[in-house]
Amino acid sequence: MDKKVFAIVNPVSANGATGKEWPVFEKTIKASGINLDYAYTEYPMHAKFLTQEALKAGYKTILSVGGDGTMNEVLNGFFYEGMLINENASLSIFSRGTGCDTIRTIGIDKDVDSIIEVLKFGKIKLVDVGIAEFIQYEGNTTQRYFLNVSDIGIGAQTTYRVNRSSKALKGFLSFLIGALSTMISYKNKDFEITIDDITINEKLNSIIIANGKYFGGGMKIAPMADMSDGYFDIIIIGNISKFDFLLNFPKIYKGTHMNHPKLLHYKGKKIKINAKQKALIEVDGEQPGVIEANINILPNKLKILV
């Protein structure tokens, strides 16, 4: 069982292309000599339960086939009641979604030949995992693990918009158009933030809690982030005007925005965030609720294949 791979496949990812192309991918992967089983997701958070079942059945390599949202569900399936189901199990990512932000930091390509190379010859890397506690839209408090980025502010509002629109334009254009559309109506909010022992009370645009470097379909929001250093990189965008935001927006894609006078950068392990106004939270490309939020890092918690 150790050498078997179990794939969790989201057939509606990549605007439905994954479901159409998976039979060819499956055949190609198996033809390479990889012992592969798989299951399709059928509803939100199904990937979490499929991952839990696969790990309890003894599979030690779980392949996420879908977008960052699918990856996030699979990641959450590695845990049960706050503990890893199998500390020796590894996550592998075949990124097929809109953003593909997580693999940009990890350094994995998105073609099937690259995934085969990773599955057969990839190295295991220990990475940090974030855990966010927030409020679901139904009103109850919940927790969600994340691997890449959690965001409160304009990025989460953009994710809300993009995830409810057609993604036929692919990642870059979907998020670019979504961000520019959101910018028109978005209003900065009165936030209260505690980062370890530092407290900030200000009107702000956004707070980005980064484990990885990229979000929003290729924006290099945290160019210094390291998934294995035991710290989040917290990027705080201050009370910036719409014009100033628009003027500097292209710099985010290049990672050259960090010297802006209204941008703050902290490293931290525990973050608490609240706001006087309603503020959405995003985790790994999903927009599951609102704040208040408590976000903590779990250092060197998960094995991934790279």
C-alpha atoms as a PDB file:
ATOM      1  CA  MET A   1       0.000   0.000   0.000  1.00  0.00           C
ATOM      2  CA  ASP A   2       2.967   2.357   0.664  1.00  0.00           C
ATOM      3  CA  LYS A   3       3.641   2.838  -3.061  1.00  0.00           C
ATOM      4  CA  LYS A   4       0.039   3.498  -3.997  1.00  0.00           C
ATOM      5  CA  VAL A   5      -1.154   6.987  -4.834  1.00  0.00           C
ATOM      6  CA  PHE A   6      -4.715   8.075  -4.154  1.00  0.00           C
ATOM      7  CA  ALA A   7      -5.923  11.013  -6.264  1.00  0.00           C
ATOM      8  CA  ILE A   8      -8.755  13.292  -5.174  1.00  0.00           C
ATOM      9  CA  VAL A   9     -10.094  14.711  -8.443  1.00  0.00           C
ATOM     10  CA  ASN A  10     -12.347  17.771  -8.663  1.00  0.00           C
ATOM     11  CA  PRO A  11     -13.996  17.325 -12.081  1.00  0.00           C
ATOM     12  CA  VAL A  12     -15.412  20.863 -12.205  1.00  0.00           C
ATOM     13  CA  SER A  13     -12.034  22.556 -11.666  1.00  0.00           C
ATOM     14  CA  ALA A  14     -10.411  24.441 -14.550  1.00  0.00           C
ATOM     15  CA  ASN A  15     -13.949  25.427 -15.618  1.00  0.00           C
ATOM     16  CA  GLY A  16     -14.856  21.744 -16.083  1.00  0.00           C
ATOM     17  CA  ALA A  17     -11.787  20.788 -18.113  1.00  0.00           C
ATOM     18  CA  THR A  18     -10.418  18.509 -15.388  1.00  0.00           C
ATOM     19  CA  GLY A  19     -13.385  16.138 -15.589  1.00  0.00           C
ATOM     20  CA  LYS A  20     -13.002  15.879 -19.361  1.00  0.00           C
ATOM     21  CA  GLU A  21      -9.231  15.411 -19.311  1.00  0.00           C
ATOM     22  CA  TRP A  22      -8.814  13.205 -16.243  1.00  0.00           C
ATOM     23  CA  PRO A  23      -9.287   9.866 -18.089  1.00  0.00           C
ATOM     24  CA  VAL A  24      -6.283  10.726 -20.279  1.00  0.00           C
ATOM     25  CA  PHE A  25      -4.275  11.912 -17.256  1.00  0.00           C
ATOM     26  CA  GLU A  26      -5.132   8.745 -15.357  1.00  0.00           C
ATOM     27  CA  LYS A  27      -4.030   6.552 -18.266  1.00  0.00           C
ATOM     28  CA  THR A  28      -0.782   8.511 -18.647  1.00  0.00           C
ATOM     29  CA  ILE A  29       0.045   8.323 -14.931  1.00  0.00           C
ATOM     30  CA  LYS A  30      -0.653   4.587 -14.759  1.00  0.00           C
ATOM     31  CA  ALA A  31       1.349   3.961 -17.949  1.00  0.00           C
ATOM     32  CA  SER A  32       4.372   5.479 -16.177  1.00  0.00           C
ATOM     33  CA  GLY A  33       4.250   2.661 -13.642  1.00  0.00           C
ATOM     34  CA  ILE A  34       2.505   4.520 -10.810  1.00  0.00           C
ATOM     35  CA  ASN A  35      -0.074   2.491  -8.882  1.00  0.00           C
ATOM     36  CA  LEU A  36      -2.988   4.926  -8.846  1.00  0.00           C
ATOM     37  CA  ASP A  37      -6.482   4.916  -7.394  1.00  0.00           C
ATOM     38  CA  TYR A  38      -8.802   7.913  -7.413  1.00  0.00           C
ATOM     39  CA  ALA A  39     -12.195   9.339  -6.521  1.00  0.00           C
ATOM     40  CA  TYR A  40     -14.170  12.296  -7.858  1.00  0.00           C
ATOM     41  CA  THR A  41     -15.433  15.019  -5.543  1.00  0.00           C
ATOM     42  CA  GLU A  42     -19.173  15.555  -5.681  1.00  0.00           C
ATOM     43  CA  TYR A  43     -19.897  18.467  -3.324  1.00  0.00           C
ATOM     44  CA  PRO A  44     -18.100  21.150  -1.253  1.00  0.00           C
ATOM     45  CA  MET A  45     -15.678  19.697   1.345  1.00  0.00           C
ATOM     46  CA  HIS A  46     -16.103  16.197  -0.141  1.00  0.00           C
ATOM     47  CA  ALA A  47     -12.348  16.162  -0.820  1.00  0.00           C
ATOM     48  CA  LYS A  48     -11.707  16.470   2.915  1.00  0.00           C
ATOM     49  CA  PHE A  49     -13.685  13.330   3.712  1.00  0.00           C
ATOM     50  CA  LEU A  50     -12.282  11.387   0.747  1.00  0.00           C
ATOM     51  CA  THR A  51      -8.759  12.227   1.954  1.00  0.00           C
ATOM     52  CA  GLN A  52      -9.547  11.105   5.495  1.00  0.00           C
ATOM     53  CA  GLU A  53     -10.929   7.810   4.194  1.00  0.00           C
ATOM     54  CA  ALA A  54      -7.896   7.229   1.954  1.00  0.00           C
ATOM     55  CA  LEU A  55      -5.423   7.932   4.764  1.00  0.00           C
ATOM     56  CA  LYS A  56      -7.311   5.676   7.191  1.00  0.00           C
ATOM     57  CA  ALA A  57      -7.235   2.969   4.492  1.00  0.00           C
ATOM     58  CA  GLY A  58      -3.422   3.161   4.462  1.00  0.00           C
ATOM     59  CA  TYR A  59      -2.550   5.352   1.466  1.00  0.00           C
ATOM     60  CA  LYS A  60       0.524   7.468   2.160  1.00  0.00           C
ATOM     61  CA  THR A  61       0.554   9.685  -0.942  1.00  0.00           C
ATOM     62  CA  ILE A  62      -2.521  11.820  -1.635  1.00  0.00           C
ATOM     63  CA  LEU A  63      -2.642  13.660  -4.961  1.00  0.00           C
ATOM     64  CA  SER A  64      -4.868  16.733  -5.097  1.00  0.00           C
ATOM     65  CA  VAL A  65      -6.193  17.233  -8.651  1.00  0.00           C
ATOM     66  CA  GLY A  66      -7.944  20.589  -8.879  1.00  0.00           C
ATOM     67  CA  GLY A  67      -7.491  24.178  -7.846  1.00  0.00           C
ATOM     68  CA  ASP A  68      -6.157  25.719  -4.654  1.00  0.00           C
ATOM     69  CA  GLY A  69      -9.594  25.241  -3.110  1.00  0.00           C
ATOM     70  CA  THR A  70      -9.456  21.492  -3.780  1.00  0.00           C
ATOM     71  CA  MET A  71      -5.931  21.411  -2.363  1.00  0.00           C
ATOM     72  CA  ASN A  72      -7.199  23.156   0.763  1.00  0.00           C
ATOM     73  CA  GLU A  73      -9.960  20.585   1.245  1.00  0.00           C
ATOM     74  CA  VAL A  74      -7.448  17.763   0.776  1.00  0.00           C
ATOM     75  CA  LEU A  75      -5.091  19.426   3.262  1.00  0.00           C
ATOM     76  CA  ASN A  76      -7.882  19.580   5.824  1.00  0.00           C
ATOM     77  CA  GLY A  77      -8.484  15.871   5.244  1.00  0.00           C
ATOM     78  CA  PHE A  78      -4.983  15.107   6.530  1.00  0.00           C
ATOM     79  CA  PHE A  79      -6.256  16.081   9.994  1.00  0.00           C
ATOM     80  CA  TYR A  80      -8.845  14.540  12.288  1.00  0.00           C
ATOM     81  CA  GLU A  81      -9.765  16.064  15.650  1.00  0.00           C
ATOM     82  CA  GLY A  82      -6.721  18.347  15.517  1.00  0.00           C
ATOM     83  CA  MET A  83      -4.174  15.628  14.766  1.00  0.00           C
ATOM     84  CA  LEU A  84      -2.565  14.314  11.594  1.00  0.00           C
ATOM     85  CA  ILE A  85      -4.123  10.996  10.628  1.00  0.00           C
ATOM     86  CA  ASN A  86      -0.736   9.712   9.445  1.00  0.00           C
ATOM     87  CA  GLU A  87       2.419  11.753  10.094  1.00  0.00           C
ATOM     88  CA  ASN A  88       4.230   9.808   7.359  1.00  0.00           C
ATOM     89  CA  ALA A  89       1.692  10.629   4.636  1.00  0.00           C
ATOM     90  CA  SER A  90       2.571  13.179   1.941  1.00  0.00           C
ATOM     91  CA  LEU A  91       0.555  15.646  -0.122  1.00  0.00           C
ATOM     92  CA  SER A  92       1.201  16.035  -3.838  1.00  0.00           C
ATOM     93  CA  ILE A  93      -0.487  18.739  -5.937  1.00  0.00           C
ATOM     94  CA  PHE A  94      -1.620  18.477  -9.559  1.00  0.00           C
ATOM     95  CA  SER A  95      -2.814  22.057  -9.907  1.00  0.00           C
ATOM     96  CA  ARG A  96      -5.739  22.423 -12.291  1.00  0.00           C
ATOM     97  CA  GLY A  97      -7.606  25.450 -10.987  1.00  0.00           C
ATOM     98  CA  THR A  98      -7.943  29.169 -11.544  1.00  0.00           C
ATOM     99  CA  GLY A  99      -5.180  30.512  -9.313  1.00  0.00           C
ATOM    100  CA  CYS A 100      -2.465  27.807  -9.100  1.00  0.00           C
ATOM    101  CA  ASP A 101      -0.795  30.001  -6.475  1.00  0.00           C
ATOM    102  CA  THR A 102       0.415  27.313  -4.083  1.00  0.00           C
ATOM    103  CA  ILE A 103       2.570  25.521  -6.660  1.00  0.00           C
ATOM    104  CA  ARG A 104       4.254  28.803  -7.627  1.00  0.00           C
ATOM    105  CA  THR A 105       5.886  28.928  -4.203  1.00  0.00           C
ATOM    106  CA  ILE A 106       6.576  25.193  -4.028  1.00  0.00           C
ATOM    107  CA  GLY A 107       8.067  25.158  -7.530  1.00  0.00           C
ATOM    108  CA  ILE A 108       5.945  22.482  -9.181  1.00  0.00           C
ATOM    109  CA  ASP A 109       4.824  22.712 -12.805  1.00  0.00           C
ATOM    110  CA  LYS A 110       1.212  21.940 -13.708  1.00  0.00           C
ATOM    111  CA  ASP A 111       1.629  19.513 -16.638  1.00  0.00           C
ATOM    112  CA  VAL A 112       1.044  15.799 -16.164  1.00  0.00           C
ATOM    113  CA  ASP A 113       4.651  14.825 -17.009  1.00  0.00           C
ATOM    114  CA  SER A 114       5.922  17.056 -14.204  1.00  0.00           C
ATOM    115  CA  ILE A 115       3.451  15.484 -11.778  1.00  0.00           C
ATOM    116  CA  ILE A 116       4.630  12.012 -12.758  1.00  0.00           C
ATOM    117  CA  GLU A 117       8.221  13.106 -12.138  1.00  0.00           C
ATOM    118  CA  VAL A 118       7.267  14.370  -8.670  1.00  0.00           C
ATOM    119  CA  LEU A 119       5.303  11.232  -7.793  1.00  0.00           C
ATOM    120  CA  LYS A 120       8.124   8.911  -8.882  1.00  0.00           C
ATOM    121  CA  PHE A 121      11.250  10.845  -7.902  1.00  0.00           C
ATOM    122  CA  GLY A 122      10.150  13.833  -5.817  1.00  0.00           C
ATOM    123  CA  LYS A 123      11.664  14.670  -2.471  1.00  0.00           C
ATOM    124  CA  ILE A 124       9.701  15.042   0.743  1.00  0.00           C
ATOM    125  CA  LYS A 125       9.702  18.539   2.236  1.00  0.00           C
ATOM    126  CA  LEU A 126       8.319  19.504   5.644  1.00  0.00           C
ATOM    127  CA  VAL A 127       6.244  22.687   5.500  1.00  0.00           C
ATOM    128  CA  ASP A 128       4.388  24.881   7.953  1.00  0.00           C
ATOM    129  CA  VAL A 129       0.589  24.807   8.054  1.00  0.00           C
ATOM    130  CA  GLY A 130      -1.701  27.633   9.133  1.00  0.00           C
ATOM    131  CA  ILE A 131      -4.908  27.151  11.072  1.00  0.00           C
ATOM    132  CA  ALA A 132      -7.584  29.850  10.951  1.00  0.00           C
ATOM    133  CA  GLU A 133     -10.531  30.116  13.337  1.00  0.00           C
ATOM    134  CA  PHE A 134     -13.320  32.331  11.976  1.00  0.00           C
ATOM    135  CA  ILE A 135     -17.086  32.694  11.710  1.00  0.00           C
ATOM    136  CA  GLN A 136     -19.035  30.842   9.017  1.00  0.00           C
ATOM    137  CA  TYR A 137     -21.898  32.615   7.270  1.00  0.00           C
ATOM    138  CA  GLU A 138     -24.315  30.490   9.290  1.00  0.00           C
ATOM    139  CA  GLY A 139     -22.971  32.157  12.422  1.00  0.00           C
ATOM    140  CA  ASN A 140     -20.992  29.352  14.036  1.00  0.00           C
ATOM    141  CA  THR A 141     -17.246  29.403  14.717  1.00  0.00           C
ATOM    142  CA  THR A 142     -15.126  26.930  12.797  1.00  0.00           C
ATOM    143  CA  GLN A 143     -11.478  26.146  11.974  1.00  0.00           C
ATOM    144  CA  ARG A 144      -9.724  25.605   8.670  1.00  0.00           C
ATOM    145  CA  TYR A 145      -6.151  24.605   7.912  1.00  0.00           C
ATOM    146  CA  PHE A 146      -4.354  26.376   5.069  1.00  0.00           C
ATOM    147  CA  LEU A 147      -1.058  25.900   3.283  1.00  0.00           C
ATOM    148  CA  ASN A 148      -0.600  29.070   1.260  1.00  0.00           C
ATOM    149  CA  VAL A 149      -2.298  32.350   2.251  1.00  0.00           C
ATOM    150  CA  SER A 150      -5.131  33.658   4.375  1.00  0.00           C
ATOM    151  CA  ASP A 151      -6.364  37.160   3.597  1.00  0.00           C
ATOM    152  CA  ILE A 152      -8.785  39.612   5.166  1.00  0.00           C
ATOM    153  CA  GLY A 153      -9.817  42.643   3.146  1.00  0.00           C
ATOM    154  CA  ILE A 154      -9.879  43.443  -0.557  1.00  0.00           C
ATOM    155  CA  GLY A 155      -8.305  40.104  -1.522  1.00  0.00           C
ATOM    156  CA  ALA A 156     -11.008  38.108   0.246  1.00  0.00           C
ATOM    157  CA  GLN A 157     -13.672  40.350  -1.319  1.00  0.00           C
ATOM    158  CA  THR A 158     -12.087  39.684  -4.732  1.00  0.00           C
ATOM    159  CA  THR A 159     -12.087  35.927  -4.087  1.00  0.00           C
ATOM    160  CA  TYR A 160     -15.773  36.136  -3.182  1.00  0.00           C
ATOM    161  CA  ARG A 161     -16.458  37.827  -6.524  1.00  0.00           C
ATOM    162  CA  VAL A 162     -14.235  35.539  -8.640  1.00  0.00           C
ATOM    163  CA  ASN A 163     -15.567  32.304  -7.128  1.00  0.00           C
ATOM    164  CA  ARG A 164     -19.102  33.339  -8.040  1.00  0.00           C
ATOM    165  CA  SER A 165     -18.238  34.217 -11.621  1.00  0.00           C
ATOM    166  CA  SER A 166     -17.263  32.237 -14.717  1.00  0.00           C
ATOM    167  CA  LYS A 167     -13.583  31.263 -14.681  1.00  0.00           C
ATOM    168  CA  ALA A 168     -13.365  30.760 -18.422  1.00  0.00           C
ATOM    169  CA  LEU A 169     -10.777  33.568 -18.605  1.00  0.00           C
ATOM    170  CA  LYS A 170      -8.281  31.487 -16.544  1.00  0.00           C
ATOM    171  CA  GLY A 171      -6.467  32.588 -13.406  1.00  0.00           C
ATOM    172  CA  PHE A 172      -4.599  35.760 -14.280  1.00  0.00           C
ATOM    173  CA  LEU A 173      -7.456  37.542 -16.063  1.00  0.00           C
ATOM    174  CA  SER A 174     -10.153  36.231 -13.690  1.00  0.00           C
ATOM    175  CA  PHE A 175      -8.387  37.636 -10.644  1.00  0.00           C
ATOM    176  CA  LEU A 176      -7.198  40.801 -12.391  1.00  0.00           C
ATOM    177  CA  ILE A 177     -10.724  41.703 -13.511  1.00  0.00           C
ATOM    178  CA  GLY A 178     -12.120  40.635 -10.130  1.00  0.00           C
ATOM    179  CA  ALA A 179      -9.610  42.773  -8.236  1.00  0.00           C
ATOM    180  CA  LEU A 180     -10.228  45.869 -10.369  1.00  0.00           C
ATOM    181  CA  SER A 181     -14.005  45.432 -10.110  1.00  0.00           C
ATOM    182  CA  THR A 182     -13.829  44.981  -6.338  1.00  0.00           C
ATOM    183  CA  MET A 183     -11.587  48.030  -5.970  1.00  0.00           C
ATOM    184  CA  ILE A 184     -14.318  50.326  -7.269  1.00  0.00           C
ATOM    185  CA  SER A 185     -16.726  49.616  -4.403  1.00  0.00           C
ATOM    186  CA  TYR A 186     -14.404  48.425  -1.632  1.00  0.00           C
ATOM    187  CA  LYS A 187     -14.064  50.590   1.491  1.00  0.00           C
ATOM    188  CA  ASN A 188     -11.167  50.393   3.928  1.00  0.00           C
ATOM    189  CA  LYS A 189     -12.128  49.163   7.398  1.00  0.00           C
ATOM    190  CA  ASP A 190     -11.341  49.886  11.041  1.00  0.00           C
ATOM    191  CA  PHE A 191      -9.256  46.884  12.073  1.00  0.00           C
ATOM    192  CA  GLU A 192      -7.853  45.738  15.388  1.00  0.00           C
ATOM    193  CA  ILE A 193      -4.927  43.355  14.913  1.00  0.00           C
ATOM    194  CA  THR A 194      -2.715  41.582  17.401  1.00  0.00           C
ATOM    195  CA  ILE A 195       0.441  39.940  16.013  1.00  0.00           C
ATOM    196  CA  ASP A 196       2.065  38.017  18.872  1.00  0.00           C
ATOM    197  CA  ASP A 197       2.596  40.910  21.347  1.00  0.00           C
ATOM    198  CA  ILE A 198       2.028  43.835  18.903  1.00  0.00           C
ATOM    199  CA  THR A 199      -1.406  45.505  18.624  1.00  0.00           C
ATOM    200  CA  ILE A 200      -2.535  47.760  15.761  1.00  0.00           C
ATOM    201  CA  ASN A 201      -5.781  49.789  15.704  1.00  0.00           C
ATOM    202  CA  GLU A 202      -6.122  51.575  12.376  1.00  0.00           C
ATOM    203  CA  LYS A 203      -8.232  52.005   9.266  1.00  0.00           C
ATOM    204  CA  LEU A 204      -6.679  49.557   6.802  1.00  0.00           C
ATOM    205  CA  ASN A 205      -7.238  48.063   3.383  1.00  0.00           C
ATOM    206  CA  SER A 206      -6.092  44.468   3.922  1.00  0.00           C
ATOM    207  CA  ILE A 207      -4.203  42.004   6.095  1.00  0.00           C
ATOM    208  CA  ILE A 208      -2.466  39.136   4.307  1.00  0.00           C
ATOM    209  CA  ILE A 209      -1.185  36.251   6.397  1.00  0.00           C
ATOM    210  CA  ALA A 210       1.266  34.546   4.070  1.00  0.00           C
ATOM    211  CA  ASN A 211       2.857  31.141   4.359  1.00  0.00           C
ATOM    212  CA  GLY A 212       3.504  31.101   0.600  1.00  0.00           C
ATOM    213  CA  LYS A 213       4.604  33.898  -1.699  1.00  0.00           C
ATOM    214  CA  TYR A 214       1.662  34.175  -4.137  1.00  0.00           C
ATOM    215  CA  PHE A 215      -2.087  34.691  -4.122  1.00  0.00           C
ATOM    216  CA  GLY A 216      -4.782  36.041  -6.439  1.00  0.00           C
ATOM    217  CA  GLY A 217      -3.693  34.200  -9.578  1.00  0.00           C
ATOM    218  CA  GLY A 218       0.007  35.131  -9.562  1.00  0.00           C
ATOM    219  CA  MET A 219       0.335  38.219  -7.333  1.00  0.00           C
ATOM    220  CA  LYS A 220       3.684  37.974  -5.514  1.00  0.00           C
ATOM    221  CA  ILE A 221       2.251  39.431  -2.356  1.00  0.00           C
ATOM    222  CA  ALA A 222       4.931  38.126   0.071  1.00  0.00           C
ATOM    223  CA  PRO A 223       8.188  37.746  -1.877  1.00  0.00           C
ATOM    224  CA  MET A 224      10.145  36.901   1.292  1.00  0.00           C
ATOM    225  CA  ALA A 225       7.793  34.147   2.549  1.00  0.00           C
ATOM    226  CA  ASP A 226       9.258  30.747   3.394  1.00  0.00           C
ATOM    227  CA  MET A 227       6.911  27.814   3.956  1.00  0.00           C
ATOM    228  CA  SER A 228       9.370  26.141   6.330  1.00  0.00           C
ATOM    229  CA  ASP A 229      10.627  28.943   8.589  1.00  0.00           C
ATOM    230  CA  GLY A 230       7.996  28.584  11.317  1.00  0.00           C
ATOM    231  CA  TYR A 231       6.605  32.111  10.809  1.00  0.00           C
ATOM    232  CA  PHE A 232       3.897  33.831   8.837  1.00  0.00           C
ATOM    233  CA  ASP A 233       4.815  36.905   6.819  1.00  0.00           C
ATOM    234  CA  ILE A 234       2.049  39.388   7.586  1.00  0.00           C
ATOM    235  CA  ILE A 235       1.549  42.091   4.966  1.00  0.00           C
ATOM    236  CA  ILE A 236      -0.654  44.984   6.084  1.00  0.00           C
ATOM    237  CA  ILE A 237      -1.906  47.405   3.437  1.00  0.00           C
ATOM    238  CA  GLY A 238      -2.780  50.657   5.188  1.00  0.00           C
ATOM    239  CA  ASN A 239      -5.461  53.276   4.584  1.00  0.00           C
ATOM    240  CA  ILE A 240      -4.566  53.575   0.931  1.00  0.00           C
ATOM    241  CA  SER A 241      -6.713  55.502  -1.564  1.00  0.00           C
ATOM    242  CA  LYS A 242      -8.262  53.822  -4.586  1.00  0.00           C
ATOM    243  CA  PHE A 243      -6.010  55.848  -6.892  1.00  0.00           C
ATOM    244  CA  ASP A 244      -2.853  54.925  -4.950  1.00  0.00           C
ATOM    245  CA  PHE A 245      -3.894  51.268  -4.873  1.00  0.00           C
ATOM    246  CA  LEU A 246      -4.530  51.253  -8.622  1.00  0.00           C
ATOM    247  CA  LEU A 247      -1.246  53.052  -9.319  1.00  0.00           C
ATOM    248  CA  ASN A 248       0.770  50.478  -7.351  1.00  0.00           C
ATOM    249  CA  PHE A 249      -1.305  47.411  -8.196  1.00  0.00           C
ATOM    250  CA  PRO A 250       0.988  46.179 -11.049  1.00  0.00           C
ATOM    251  CA  LYS A 251       3.924  46.068  -8.614  1.00  0.00           C
ATOM    252  CA  ILE A 252       2.247  43.279  -6.629  1.00  0.00           C
ATOM    253  CA  TYR A 253       2.636  40.874  -9.556  1.00  0.00           C
ATOM    254  CA  LYS A 254       6.387  41.514  -9.582  1.00  0.00           C
ATOM    255  CA  GLY A 255       6.806  41.577  -5.807  1.00  0.00           C
ATOM    256  CA  THR A 256       8.213  45.119  -5.926  1.00  0.00           C
ATOM    257  CA  HIS A 257       5.512  46.712  -3.754  1.00  0.00           C
ATOM    258  CA  MET A 258       7.164  46.191  -0.362  1.00  0.00           C
ATOM    259  CA  ASN A 259       8.687  49.681  -0.099  1.00  0.00           C
ATOM    260  CA  HIS A 260       5.321  51.470  -0.266  1.00  0.00           C
ATOM    261  CA  PRO A 261       5.015  53.900   2.712  1.00  0.00           C
ATOM    262  CA  LYS A 262       1.552  52.594   3.625  1.00  0.00           C
ATOM    263  CA  LEU A 263       2.601  48.966   3.675  1.00  0.00           C
ATOM    264  CA  LEU A 264       3.752  47.213   6.856  1.00  0.00           C
ATOM    265  CA  HIS A 265       5.509  43.860   7.110  1.00  0.00           C
ATOM    266  CA  TYR A 266       5.682  41.687  10.216  1.00  0.00           C
ATOM    267  CA  LYS A 267       6.728  38.135  10.981  1.00  0.00           C
ATOM    268  CA  GLY A 268       4.594  36.326  13.521  1.00  0.00           C
ATOM    269  CA  LYS A 269       3.079  33.097  14.758  1.00  0.00           C
ATOM    270  CA  LYS A 270      -0.250  34.141  16.305  1.00  0.00           C
ATOM    271  CA  ILE A 271      -2.613  36.706  14.788  1.00  0.00           C
ATOM    272  CA  LYS A 272      -5.981  37.915  16.024  1.00  0.00           C
ATOM    273  CA  ILE A 273      -8.051  40.146  13.732  1.00  0.00           C
ATOM    274  CA  ASN A 274     -11.344  41.955  14.221  1.00  0.00           C
ATOM    275  CA  ALA A 275     -13.015  44.936  12.547  1.00  0.00           C
ATOM    276  CA  LYS A 276     -15.835  47.375  13.287  1.00  0.00           C
ATOM    277  CA  GLN A 277     -17.274  46.639   9.839  1.00  0.00           C
ATOM    278  CA  LYS A 278     -18.021  43.276   8.240  1.00  0.00           C
ATOM    279  CA  ALA A 279     -14.833  41.807   6.735  1.00  0.00           C
ATOM    280  CA  LEU A 280     -14.483  38.597   4.747  1.00  0.00           C
ATOM    281  CA  ILE A 281     -11.740  36.003   5.188  1.00  0.00           C
ATOM    282  CA  GLU A 282     -10.061  33.967   2.446  1.00  0.00           C
ATOM    283  CA  VAL A 283      -8.052  30.769   2.924  1.00  0.00           C
ATOM    284  CA  ASP A 284      -6.188  29.145   0.001  1.00  0.00           C
ATOM    285  CA  GLY A 285      -8.466  30.661  -2.624  1.00  0.00           C
ATOM    286  CA  GLU A 286     -11.707  29.852  -0.793  1.00  0.00           C
ATOM    287  CA  GLN A 287     -13.953  32.404   0.902  1.00  0.00           C
ATOM    288  CA  PRO A 288     -15.707  30.506   3.698  1.00  0.00           C
ATOM    289  CA  GLY A 289     -16.764  33.194   6.168  1.00  0.00           C
ATOM    290  CA  VAL A 290     -16.092  36.408   8.069  1.00  0.00           C
ATOM    291  CA  ILE A 291     -13.985  37.627  10.974  1.00  0.00           C
ATOM    292  CA  GLU A 292     -13.281  37.852  13.911  1.00  0.00           C
ATOM    293  CA  ALA A 293     -10.404  35.467  13.270  1.00  0.00           C
ATOM    294  CA  ASN A 294      -7.587  33.806  15.169  1.00  0.00           C
ATOM    295  CA  ILE A 295      -4.767  32.462  12.995  1.00  0.00           C
ATOM    296  CA  ASN A 296      -1.884  30.311  14.213  1.00  0.00           C
ATOM    297  CA  ILE A 297       1.051  28.562  12.562  1.00  0.00           C
ATOM    298  CA  LEU A 298       1.951  24.888  12.980  1.00  0.00           C
ATOM    299  CA  PRO A 299       5.683  24.692  12.198  1.00  0.00           C
ATOM    300  CA  ASN A 300       7.018  21.876   9.980  1.00  0.00           C
ATOM    301  CA  LYS A 301       3.690  20.097  10.230  1.00  0.00           C
ATOM    302  CA  LEU A 302       3.047  18.516   6.832  1.00  0.00           C
ATOM    303  CA  LYS A 303       5.042  16.510   4.309  1.00  0.00           C
ATOM    304  CA  ILE A 304       4.679  17.514   0.664  1.00  0.00           C
ATOM    305  CA  LEU A 305       6.262  16.075  -2.467  1.00  0.00           C
ATOM    306  CA  VAL A 306       8.337  18.510  -4.506  1.00  0.00           C
END
